[in-house]
Amino acid sequence: MPQESDSDPWALTVMIARRVLEEQAATLAVVRSRLDRARALAPSGAESEWAGPARRLYDSGLDELHRALASAEASVDAALADTCQAIETLASHVG
């Protein structure tokens, strides 16, 4: 027996779009988790007796790494929020 969504192209389209968005949200959550692990593993540049030009370059590299991680985290967070909003919007248009 066919379900209503089987004969209604709009309902079928919405169902497919929602599944795609849910898969995207799950993938983004995995990426965010990996970024969290990368941040946890990233060196902090804790104080040591090491000094000089090499140390300054190392510290500069660490700063750049932490900025890149923060930027990636913000981008993934925004994409995840937008994806969740899209899922909610679809849900509000379907009974």
PDB file of N, CA and C in Angstrom:
ATOM      1  N   MET A   1       0.843  -1.172   0.000  1.00  0.00           N
ATOM      2  CA  MET A   1       0.000   0.000   0.000  1.00  0.00           C
ATOM      3  C   MET A   1       0.890   1.237   0.000  1.00  0.00           C
ATOM      4  N   PRO A   2       0.735   2.139  -0.971  1.00  0.00           N
ATOM      5  CA  PRO A   2       1.586   3.329  -1.038  1.00  0.00           C
ATOM      6  C   PRO A   2       1.280   4.295   0.096  1.00  0.00           C
ATOM      7  N   GLN A   3       2.345   4.900   0.587  1.00  0.00           N
ATOM      8  CA  GLN A   3       2.181   5.929   1.606  1.00  0.00           C
ATOM      9  C   GLN A   3       1.933   7.247   0.916  1.00  0.00           C
ATOM     10  N   GLU A   4       1.424   8.220   1.677  1.00  0.00           N
ATOM     11  CA  GLU A   4       1.128   9.532   1.095  1.00  0.00           C
ATOM     12  C   GLU A   4       2.368  10.142   0.455  1.00  0.00           C
ATOM     13  N   SER A   5       3.552  10.004   1.114  1.00  0.00           N
ATOM     14  CA  SER A   5       4.774  10.609   0.578  1.00  0.00           C
ATOM     15  C   SER A   5       5.217   9.957  -0.726  1.00  0.00           C
ATOM     16  N   ASP A   6       4.761   8.701  -0.966  1.00  0.00           N
ATOM     17  CA  ASP A   6       5.125   8.028  -2.213  1.00  0.00           C
ATOM     18  C   ASP A   6       4.446   8.665  -3.424  1.00  0.00           C
ATOM     19  N   SER A   7       3.273   9.278  -3.222  1.00  0.00           N
ATOM     20  CA  SER A   7       2.547   9.854  -4.341  1.00  0.00           C
ATOM     21  C   SER A   7       2.634  11.381  -4.376  1.00  0.00           C
ATOM     22  N   ASP A   8       3.161  11.988  -3.331  1.00  0.00           N
ATOM     23  CA  ASP A   8       3.255  13.449  -3.251  1.00  0.00           C
ATOM     24  C   ASP A   8       4.701  13.862  -3.498  1.00  0.00           C
ATOM     25  N   PRO A   9       4.974  14.440  -4.679  1.00  0.00           N
ATOM     26  CA  PRO A   9       6.360  14.814  -4.990  1.00  0.00           C
ATOM     27  C   PRO A   9       6.951  15.809  -3.988  1.00  0.00           C
ATOM     28  N   TRP A  10       6.157  16.744  -3.499  1.00  0.00           N
ATOM     29  CA  TRP A  10       6.644  17.733  -2.531  1.00  0.00           C
ATOM     30  C   TRP A  10       7.072  17.036  -1.239  1.00  0.00           C
ATOM     31  N   ALA A  11       6.224  16.142  -0.727  1.00  0.00           N
ATOM     32  CA  ALA A  11       6.548  15.441   0.514  1.00  0.00           C
ATOM     33  C   ALA A  11       7.794  14.577   0.330  1.00  0.00           C
ATOM     34  N   LEU A  12       7.902  13.936  -0.814  1.00  0.00           N
ATOM     35  CA  LEU A  12       9.078  13.111  -1.094  1.00  0.00           C
ATOM     36  C   LEU A  12      10.338  13.968  -1.170  1.00  0.00           C
ATOM     37  N   THR A  13      10.240  15.112  -1.825  1.00  0.00           N
ATOM     38  CA  THR A  13      11.381  16.032  -1.933  1.00  0.00           C
ATOM     39  C   THR A  13      11.812  16.518  -0.559  1.00  0.00           C
ATOM     40  N   VAL A  14      10.852  16.895   0.269  1.00  0.00           N
ATOM     41  CA  VAL A  14      11.156  17.366   1.616  1.00  0.00           C
ATOM     42  C   VAL A  14      11.797  16.256   2.441  1.00  0.00           C
ATOM     43  N   MET A  15      11.260  15.038   2.318  1.00  0.00           N
ATOM     44  CA  MET A  15      11.811  13.903   3.062  1.00  0.00           C
ATOM     45  C   MET A  15      13.270  13.653   2.660  1.00  0.00           C
ATOM     46  N   ILE A  16      13.545  13.688   1.369  1.00  0.00           N
ATOM     47  CA  ILE A  16      14.916  13.468   0.891  1.00  0.00           C
ATOM     48  C   ILE A  16      15.829  14.598   1.363  1.00  0.00           C
ATOM     49  N   ALA A  17      15.360  15.825   1.233  1.00  0.00           N
ATOM     50  CA  ALA A  17      16.165  16.970   1.667  1.00  0.00           C
ATOM     51  C   ALA A  17      16.471  16.878   3.162  1.00  0.00           C
ATOM     52  N   ARG A  18      15.486  16.494   3.944  1.00  0.00           N
ATOM     53  CA  ARG A  18      15.711  16.372   5.385  1.00  0.00           C
ATOM     54  C   ARG A  18      16.746  15.294   5.693  1.00  0.00           C
ATOM     55  N   ARG A  19      16.659  14.172   5.016  1.00  0.00           N
ATOM     56  CA  ARG A  19      17.652  13.104   5.232  1.00  0.00           C
ATOM     57  C   ARG A  19      19.056  13.572   4.867  1.00  0.00           C
ATOM     58  N   VAL A  20      19.172  14.281   3.762  1.00  0.00           N
ATOM     59  CA  VAL A  20      20.479  14.793   3.338  1.00  0.00           C
ATOM     60  C   VAL A  20      21.015  15.773   4.382  1.00  0.00           C
ATOM     61  N   LEU A  21      20.154  16.660   4.862  1.00  0.00           N
ATOM     62  CA  LEU A  21      20.579  17.625   5.877  1.00  0.00           C
ATOM     63  C   LEU A  21      20.951  16.937   7.188  1.00  0.00           C
ATOM     64  N   GLU A  22      20.210  15.910   7.560  1.00  0.00           N
ATOM     65  CA  GLU A  22      20.544  15.178   8.782  1.00  0.00           C
ATOM     66  C   GLU A  22      21.886  14.470   8.650  1.00  0.00           C
ATOM     67  N   GLU A  23      22.159  13.911   7.471  1.00  0.00           N
ATOM     68  CA  GLU A  23      23.473  13.293   7.232  1.00  0.00           C
ATOM     69  C   GLU A  23      24.573  14.347   7.283  1.00  0.00           C
ATOM     70  N   GLN A  24      24.292  15.513   6.710  1.00  0.00           N
ATOM     71  CA  GLN A  24      25.263  16.602   6.749  1.00  0.00           C
ATOM     72  C   GLN A  24      25.528  17.024   8.187  1.00  0.00           C
ATOM     73  N   ALA A  25      24.498  17.145   8.997  1.00  0.00           N
ATOM     74  CA  ALA A  25      24.665  17.527  10.404  1.00  0.00           C
ATOM     75  C   ALA A  25      25.501  16.491  11.145  1.00  0.00           C
ATOM     76  N   ALA A  26      25.251  15.224  10.878  1.00  0.00           N
ATOM     77  CA  ALA A  26      26.028  14.174  11.537  1.00  0.00           C
ATOM     78  C   ALA A  26      27.494  14.244  11.126  1.00  0.00           C
ATOM     79  N   THR A  27      27.755  14.487   9.850  1.00  0.00           N
ATOM     80  CA  THR A  27      29.135  14.608   9.370  1.00  0.00           C
ATOM     81  C   THR A  27      29.821  15.822   9.984  1.00  0.00           C
ATOM     82  N   LEU A  28      29.104  16.934  10.059  1.00  0.00           N
ATOM     83  CA  LEU A  28      29.676  18.131  10.683  1.00  0.00           C
ATOM     84  C   LEU A  28      29.988  17.896  12.160  1.00  0.00           C
ATOM     85  N   ALA A  29      29.143  17.144  12.837  1.00  0.00           N
ATOM     86  CA  ALA A  29      29.398  16.831  14.245  1.00  0.00           C
ATOM     87  C   ALA A  29      30.671  15.996  14.391  1.00  0.00           C
ATOM     88  N   VAL A  30      30.897  15.075  13.463  1.00  0.00           N
ATOM     89  CA  VAL A  30      32.130  14.275  13.485  1.00  0.00           C
ATOM     90  C   VAL A  30      33.337  15.181  13.245  1.00  0.00           C
ATOM     91  N   VAL A  31      33.226  16.072  12.272  1.00  0.00           N
ATOM     92  CA  VAL A  31      34.331  17.005  11.986  1.00  0.00           C
ATOM     93  C   VAL A  31      34.622  17.858  13.217  1.00  0.00           C
ATOM     94  N   ARG A  32      33.567  18.352  13.873  1.00  0.00           N
ATOM     95  CA  ARG A  32      33.757  19.187  15.070  1.00  0.00           C
ATOM     96  C   ARG A  32      34.456  18.396  16.167  1.00  0.00           C
ATOM     97  N   SER A  33      34.074  17.144  16.330  1.00  0.00           N
ATOM     98  CA  SER A  33      34.722  16.286  17.328  1.00  0.00           C
ATOM     99  C   SER A  33      36.205  16.101  17.011  1.00  0.00           C
ATOM    100  N   ARG A  34      36.522  15.935  15.748  1.00  0.00           N
ATOM    101  CA  ARG A  34      37.927  15.782  15.347  1.00  0.00           C
ATOM    102  C   ARG A  34      38.714  17.071  15.590  1.00  0.00           C
ATOM    103  N   LEU A  35      38.083  18.200  15.357  1.00  0.00           N
ATOM    104  CA  LEU A  35      38.748  19.478  15.651  1.00  0.00           C
ATOM    105  C   LEU A  35      39.007  19.620  17.150  1.00  0.00           C
ATOM    106  N   ASP A  36      38.052  19.185  17.969  1.00  0.00           N
ATOM    107  CA  ASP A  36      38.246  19.217  19.424  1.00  0.00           C
ATOM    108  C   ASP A  36      39.446  18.362  19.823  1.00  0.00           C
ATOM    109  N   ARG A  37      39.550  17.178  19.201  1.00  0.00           N
ATOM    110  CA  ARG A  37      40.694  16.304  19.504  1.00  0.00           C
ATOM    111  C   ARG A  37      41.997  16.927  19.024  1.00  0.00           C
ATOM    112  N   ALA A  38      41.966  17.553  17.862  1.00  0.00           N
ATOM    113  CA  ALA A  38      43.174  18.200  17.347  1.00  0.00           C
ATOM    114  C   ALA A  38      43.612  19.321  18.285  1.00  0.00           C
ATOM    115  N   ARG A  39      42.668  20.098  18.783  1.00  0.00           N
ATOM    116  CA  ARG A  39      43.007  21.172  19.716  1.00  0.00           C
ATOM    117  C   ARG A  39      43.606  20.593  20.992  1.00  0.00           C
ATOM    118  N   ALA A  40      43.046  19.502  21.467  1.00  0.00           N
ATOM    119  CA  ALA A  40      43.559  18.888  22.688  1.00  0.00           C
ATOM    120  C   ALA A  40      44.984  18.356  22.502  1.00  0.00           C
ATOM    121  N   LEU A  41      45.304  17.928  21.295  1.00  0.00           N
ATOM    122  CA  LEU A  41      46.633  17.380  21.015  1.00  0.00           C
ATOM    123  C   LEU A  41      47.654  18.446  20.617  1.00  0.00           C
ATOM    124  N   ALA A  42      47.170  19.624  20.255  1.00  0.00           N
ATOM    125  CA  ALA A  42      48.075  20.682  19.798  1.00  0.00           C
ATOM    126  C   ALA A  42      48.942  21.159  20.952  1.00  0.00           C
ATOM    127  N   PRO A  43      50.217  21.371  20.692  1.00  0.00           N
ATOM    128  CA  PRO A  43      51.092  21.873  21.754  1.00  0.00           C
ATOM    129  C   PRO A  43      50.654  23.259  22.213  1.00  0.00           C
ATOM    130  N   SER A  44      50.924  23.551  23.452  1.00  0.00           N
ATOM    131  CA  SER A  44      50.508  24.842  24.000  1.00  0.00           C
ATOM    132  C   SER A  44      51.620  25.880  23.975  1.00  0.00           C
ATOM    133  N   GLY A  45      52.844  25.447  23.784  1.00  0.00           N
ATOM    134  CA  GLY A  45      53.960  26.382  23.803  1.00  0.00           C
ATOM    135  C   GLY A  45      54.309  26.813  25.214  1.00  0.00           C
ATOM    136  N   ALA A  46      54.121  25.904  26.137  1.00  0.00           N
ATOM    137  CA  ALA A  46      54.392  26.221  27.543  1.00  0.00           C
ATOM    138  C   ALA A  46      55.814  26.747  27.702  1.00  0.00           C
ATOM    139  N   GLU A  47      55.978  27.554  28.706  1.00  0.00           N
ATOM    140  CA  GLU A  47      57.289  28.164  28.975  1.00  0.00           C
ATOM    141  C   GLU A  47      58.374  27.102  29.146  1.00  0.00           C
ATOM    142  N   SER A  48      59.506  27.424  28.619  1.00  0.00           N
ATOM    143  CA  SER A  48      60.681  26.569  28.790  1.00  0.00           C
ATOM    144  C   SER A  48      61.913  27.465  28.707  1.00  0.00           C
ATOM    145  N   GLU A  49      63.045  26.884  28.878  1.00  0.00           N
ATOM    146  CA  GLU A  49      64.281  27.658  28.817  1.00  0.00           C
ATOM    147  C   GLU A  49      64.736  27.889  27.388  1.00  0.00           C
ATOM    148  N   TRP A  50      64.066  27.279  26.453  1.00  0.00           N
ATOM    149  CA  TRP A  50      64.394  27.430  25.041  1.00  0.00           C
ATOM    150  C   TRP A  50      64.067  28.859  24.628  1.00  0.00           C
ATOM    151  N   ALA A  51      65.017  29.546  23.974  1.00  0.00           N
ATOM    152  CA  ALA A  51      64.825  30.935  23.571  1.00  0.00           C
ATOM    153  C   ALA A  51      65.533  31.180  22.251  1.00  0.00           C
ATOM    154  N   GLY A  52      65.314  32.361  21.710  1.00  0.00           N
ATOM    155  CA  GLY A  52      66.006  32.742  20.490  1.00  0.00           C
ATOM    156  C   GLY A  52      65.087  32.750  19.285  1.00  0.00           C
ATOM    157  N   PRO A  53      65.669  32.942  18.111  1.00  0.00           N
ATOM    158  CA  PRO A  53      64.871  33.052  16.881  1.00  0.00           C
ATOM    159  C   PRO A  53      64.044  31.803  16.586  1.00  0.00           C
ATOM    160  N   ALA A  54      64.611  30.634  16.831  1.00  0.00           N
ATOM    161  CA  ALA A  54      63.868  29.396  16.569  1.00  0.00           C
ATOM    162  C   ALA A  54      62.646  29.313  17.475  1.00  0.00           C
ATOM    163  N   ARG A  55      62.789  29.723  18.723  1.00  0.00           N
ATOM    164  CA  ARG A  55      61.666  29.699  19.658  1.00  0.00           C
ATOM    165  C   ARG A  55      60.589  30.690  19.217  1.00  0.00           C
ATOM    166  N   ARG A  56      60.991  31.851  18.768  1.00  0.00           N
ATOM    167  CA  ARG A  56      60.006  32.837  18.312  1.00  0.00           C
ATOM    168  C   ARG A  56      59.241  32.311  17.091  1.00  0.00           C
ATOM    169  N   LEU A  57      59.940  31.654  16.170  1.00  0.00           N
ATOM    170  CA  LEU A  57      59.271  31.068  15.009  1.00  0.00           C
ATOM    171  C   LEU A  57      58.334  29.933  15.426  1.00  0.00           C
ATOM    172  N   TYR A  58      58.767  29.129  16.375  1.00  0.00           N
ATOM    173  CA  TYR A  58      57.932  28.046  16.890  1.00  0.00           C
ATOM    174  C   TYR A  58      56.668  28.623  17.524  1.00  0.00           C
ATOM    175  N   ASP A  59      56.826  29.631  18.370  1.00  0.00           N
ATOM    176  CA  ASP A  59      55.675  30.261  19.020  1.00  0.00           C
ATOM    177  C   ASP A  59      54.735  30.892  17.988  1.00  0.00           C
ATOM    178  N   SER A  60      55.312  31.507  16.958  1.00  0.00           N
ATOM    179  CA  SER A  60      54.511  32.095  15.887  1.00  0.00           C
ATOM    180  C   SER A  60      53.717  31.010  15.157  1.00  0.00           C
ATOM    181  N   GLY A  61      54.366  29.888  14.899  1.00  0.00           N
ATOM    182  CA  GLY A  61      53.687  28.755  14.257  1.00  0.00           C
ATOM    183  C   GLY A  61      52.554  28.212  15.114  1.00  0.00           C
ATOM    184  N   LEU A  62      52.792  28.126  16.422  1.00  0.00           N
ATOM    185  CA  LEU A  62      51.733  27.670  17.329  1.00  0.00           C
ATOM    186  C   LEU A  62      50.555  28.633  17.335  1.00  0.00           C
ATOM    187  N   ASP A  63      50.863  29.938  17.353  1.00  0.00           N
ATOM    188  CA  ASP A  63      49.786  30.929  17.310  1.00  0.00           C
ATOM    189  C   ASP A  63      48.953  30.764  16.041  1.00  0.00           C
ATOM    190  N   GLU A  64      49.636  30.564  14.915  1.00  0.00           N
ATOM    191  CA  GLU A  64      48.933  30.379  13.649  1.00  0.00           C
ATOM    192  C   GLU A  64      48.088  29.102  13.676  1.00  0.00           C
ATOM    193  N   LEU A  65      48.633  28.033  14.233  1.00  0.00           N
ATOM    194  CA  LEU A  65      47.895  26.779  14.354  1.00  0.00           C
ATOM    195  C   LEU A  65      46.624  26.975  15.178  1.00  0.00           C
ATOM    196  N   HIS A  66      46.738  27.642  16.314  1.00  0.00           N
ATOM    197  CA  HIS A  66      45.577  27.844  17.182  1.00  0.00           C
ATOM    198  C   HIS A  66      44.544  28.768  16.538  1.00  0.00           C
ATOM    199  N   ARG A  67      44.998  29.757  15.781  1.00  0.00           N
ATOM    200  CA  ARG A  67      44.060  30.619  15.047  1.00  0.00           C
ATOM    201  C   ARG A  67      43.333  29.816  13.967  1.00  0.00           C
ATOM    202  N   ALA A  68      44.062  28.957  13.269  1.00  0.00           N
ATOM    203  CA  ALA A  68      43.453  28.131  12.221  1.00  0.00           C
ATOM    204  C   ALA A  68      42.430  27.171  12.821  1.00  0.00           C
ATOM    205  N   LEU A  69      42.769  26.584  13.964  1.00  0.00           N
ATOM    206  CA  LEU A  69      41.809  25.691  14.631  1.00  0.00           C
ATOM    207  C   LEU A  69      40.562  26.459  15.061  1.00  0.00           C
ATOM    208  N   ALA A  70      40.749  27.628  15.626  1.00  0.00           N
ATOM    209  CA  ALA A  70      39.604  28.433  16.066  1.00  0.00           C
ATOM    210  C   ALA A  70      38.727  28.818  14.867  1.00  0.00           C
ATOM    211  N   SER A  71      39.348  29.173  13.764  1.00  0.00           N
ATOM    212  CA  SER A  71      38.605  29.529  12.561  1.00  0.00           C
ATOM    213  C   SER A  71      37.825  28.332  12.025  1.00  0.00           C
ATOM    214  N   ALA A  72      38.474  27.178  11.988  1.00  0.00           N
ATOM    215  CA  ALA A  72      37.802  25.961  11.513  1.00  0.00           C
ATOM    216  C   ALA A  72      36.638  25.604  12.437  1.00  0.00           C
ATOM    217  N   GLU A  73      36.843  25.720  13.739  1.00  0.00           N
ATOM    218  CA  GLU A  73      35.768  25.431  14.695  1.00  0.00           C
ATOM    219  C   GLU A  73      34.585  26.368  14.479  1.00  0.00           C
ATOM    220  N   ALA A  74      34.865  27.644  14.298  1.00  0.00           N
ATOM    221  CA  ALA A  74      33.794  28.617  14.079  1.00  0.00           C
ATOM    222  C   ALA A  74      33.045  28.321  12.781  1.00  0.00           C
ATOM    223  N   SER A  75      33.768  27.955  11.749  1.00  0.00           N
ATOM    224  CA  SER A  75      33.129  27.641  10.467  1.00  0.00           C
ATOM    225  C   SER A  75      32.243  26.409  10.575  1.00  0.00           C
ATOM    226  N   VAL A  76      32.741  25.377  11.229  1.00  0.00           N
ATOM    227  CA  VAL A  76      31.948  24.154  11.395  1.00  0.00           C
ATOM    228  C   VAL A  76      30.740  24.426  12.286  1.00  0.00           C
ATOM    229  N   ASP A  77      30.931  25.188  13.350  1.00  0.00           N
ATOM    230  CA  ASP A  77      29.807  25.524  14.225  1.00  0.00           C
ATOM    231  C   ASP A  77      28.722  26.282  13.459  1.00  0.00           C
ATOM    232  N   ALA A  78      29.132  27.232  12.622  1.00  0.00           N
ATOM    233  CA  ALA A  78      28.168  27.999  11.829  1.00  0.00           C
ATOM    234  C   ALA A  78      27.449  27.093  10.830  1.00  0.00           C
ATOM    235  N   ALA A  79      28.199  26.220  10.172  1.00  0.00           N
ATOM    236  CA  ALA A  79      27.585  25.301   9.208  1.00  0.00           C
ATOM    237  C   ALA A  79      26.608  24.356   9.905  1.00  0.00           C
ATOM    238  N   LEU A  80      26.974  23.890  11.086  1.00  0.00           N
ATOM    239  CA  LEU A  80      26.085  22.999  11.835  1.00  0.00           C
ATOM    240  C   LEU A  80      24.824  23.744  12.274  1.00  0.00           C
ATOM    241  N   ALA A  81      24.973  24.968  12.744  1.00  0.00           N
ATOM    242  CA  ALA A  81      23.806  25.765  13.144  1.00  0.00           C
ATOM    243  C   ALA A  81      22.887  26.025  11.948  1.00  0.00           C
ATOM    244  N   ASP A  82      23.482  26.368  10.807  1.00  0.00           N
ATOM    245  CA  ASP A  82      22.683  26.610   9.606  1.00  0.00           C
ATOM    246  C   ASP A  82      21.969  25.337   9.151  1.00  0.00           C
ATOM    247  N   THR A  83      22.648  24.213   9.245  1.00  0.00           N
ATOM    248  CA  THR A  83      22.051  22.943   8.854  1.00  0.00           C
ATOM    249  C   THR A  83      20.889  22.596   9.772  1.00  0.00           C
ATOM    250  N   CYS A  84      21.077  22.772  11.070  1.00  0.00           N
ATOM    251  CA  CYS A  84      20.000  22.491  12.022  1.00  0.00           C
ATOM    252  C   CYS A  84      18.819  23.428  11.785  1.00  0.00           C
ATOM    253  N   GLN A  85      19.093  24.685  11.464  1.00  0.00           N
ATOM    254  CA  GLN A  85      18.028  25.637  11.150  1.00  0.00           C
ATOM    255  C   GLN A  85      17.278  25.201   9.892  1.00  0.00           C
ATOM    256  N   ALA A  86      17.994  24.713   8.906  1.00  0.00           N
ATOM    257  CA  ALA A  86      17.354  24.249   7.679  1.00  0.00           C
ATOM    258  C   ALA A  86      16.455  23.043   7.958  1.00  0.00           C
ATOM    259  N   ILE A  87      16.908  22.148   8.816  1.00  0.00           N
ATOM    260  CA  ILE A  87      16.095  20.987   9.185  1.00  0.00           C
ATOM    261  C   ILE A  87      14.821  21.447   9.885  1.00  0.00           C
ATOM    262  N   GLU A  88      14.959  22.394  10.810  1.00  0.00           N
ATOM    263  CA  GLU A  88      13.787  22.919  11.509  1.00  0.00           C
ATOM    264  C   GLU A  88      12.827  23.618  10.549  1.00  0.00           C
ATOM    265  N   THR A  89      13.382  24.360   9.598  1.00  0.00           N
ATOM    266  CA  THR A  89      12.540  25.043   8.621  1.00  0.00           C
ATOM    267  C   THR A  89      11.759  24.043   7.781  1.00  0.00           C
ATOM    268  N   LEU A  90      12.433  22.986   7.342  1.00  0.00           N
ATOM    269  CA  LEU A  90      11.726  21.950   6.592  1.00  0.00           C
ATOM    270  C   LEU A  90      10.631  21.324   7.428  1.00  0.00           C
ATOM    271  N   ALA A  91      10.947  21.031   8.679  1.00  0.00           N
ATOM    272  CA  ALA A  91       9.966  20.388   9.568  1.00  0.00           C
ATOM    273  C   ALA A  91       8.749  21.282   9.754  1.00  0.00           C
ATOM    274  N   SER A  92       8.948  22.595   9.782  1.00  0.00           N
ATOM    275  CA  SER A  92       7.819  23.508   9.989  1.00  0.00           C
ATOM    276  C   SER A  92       6.915  23.594   8.768  1.00  0.00           C
ATOM    277  N   HIS A  93       7.400  23.183   7.600  1.00  0.00           N
ATOM    278  CA  HIS A  93       6.603  23.241   6.378  1.00  0.00           C
ATOM    279  C   HIS A  93       5.900  21.916   6.073  1.00  0.00           C
ATOM    280  N   VAL A  94       6.153  20.932   6.897  1.00  0.00           N
ATOM    281  CA  VAL A  94       5.562  19.626   6.675  1.00  0.00           C
ATOM    282  C   VAL A  94       4.726  19.260   7.889  1.00  0.00           C
ATOM    283  N   GLY A  95       3.567  18.764   7.647  1.00  0.00           N
ATOM    284  CA  GLY A  95       2.655  18.446   8.749  1.00  0.00           C
ATOM    285  C   GLY A  95       2.932  17.201   9.443  1.00  0.00           C
TER     286      GLY A  95
END
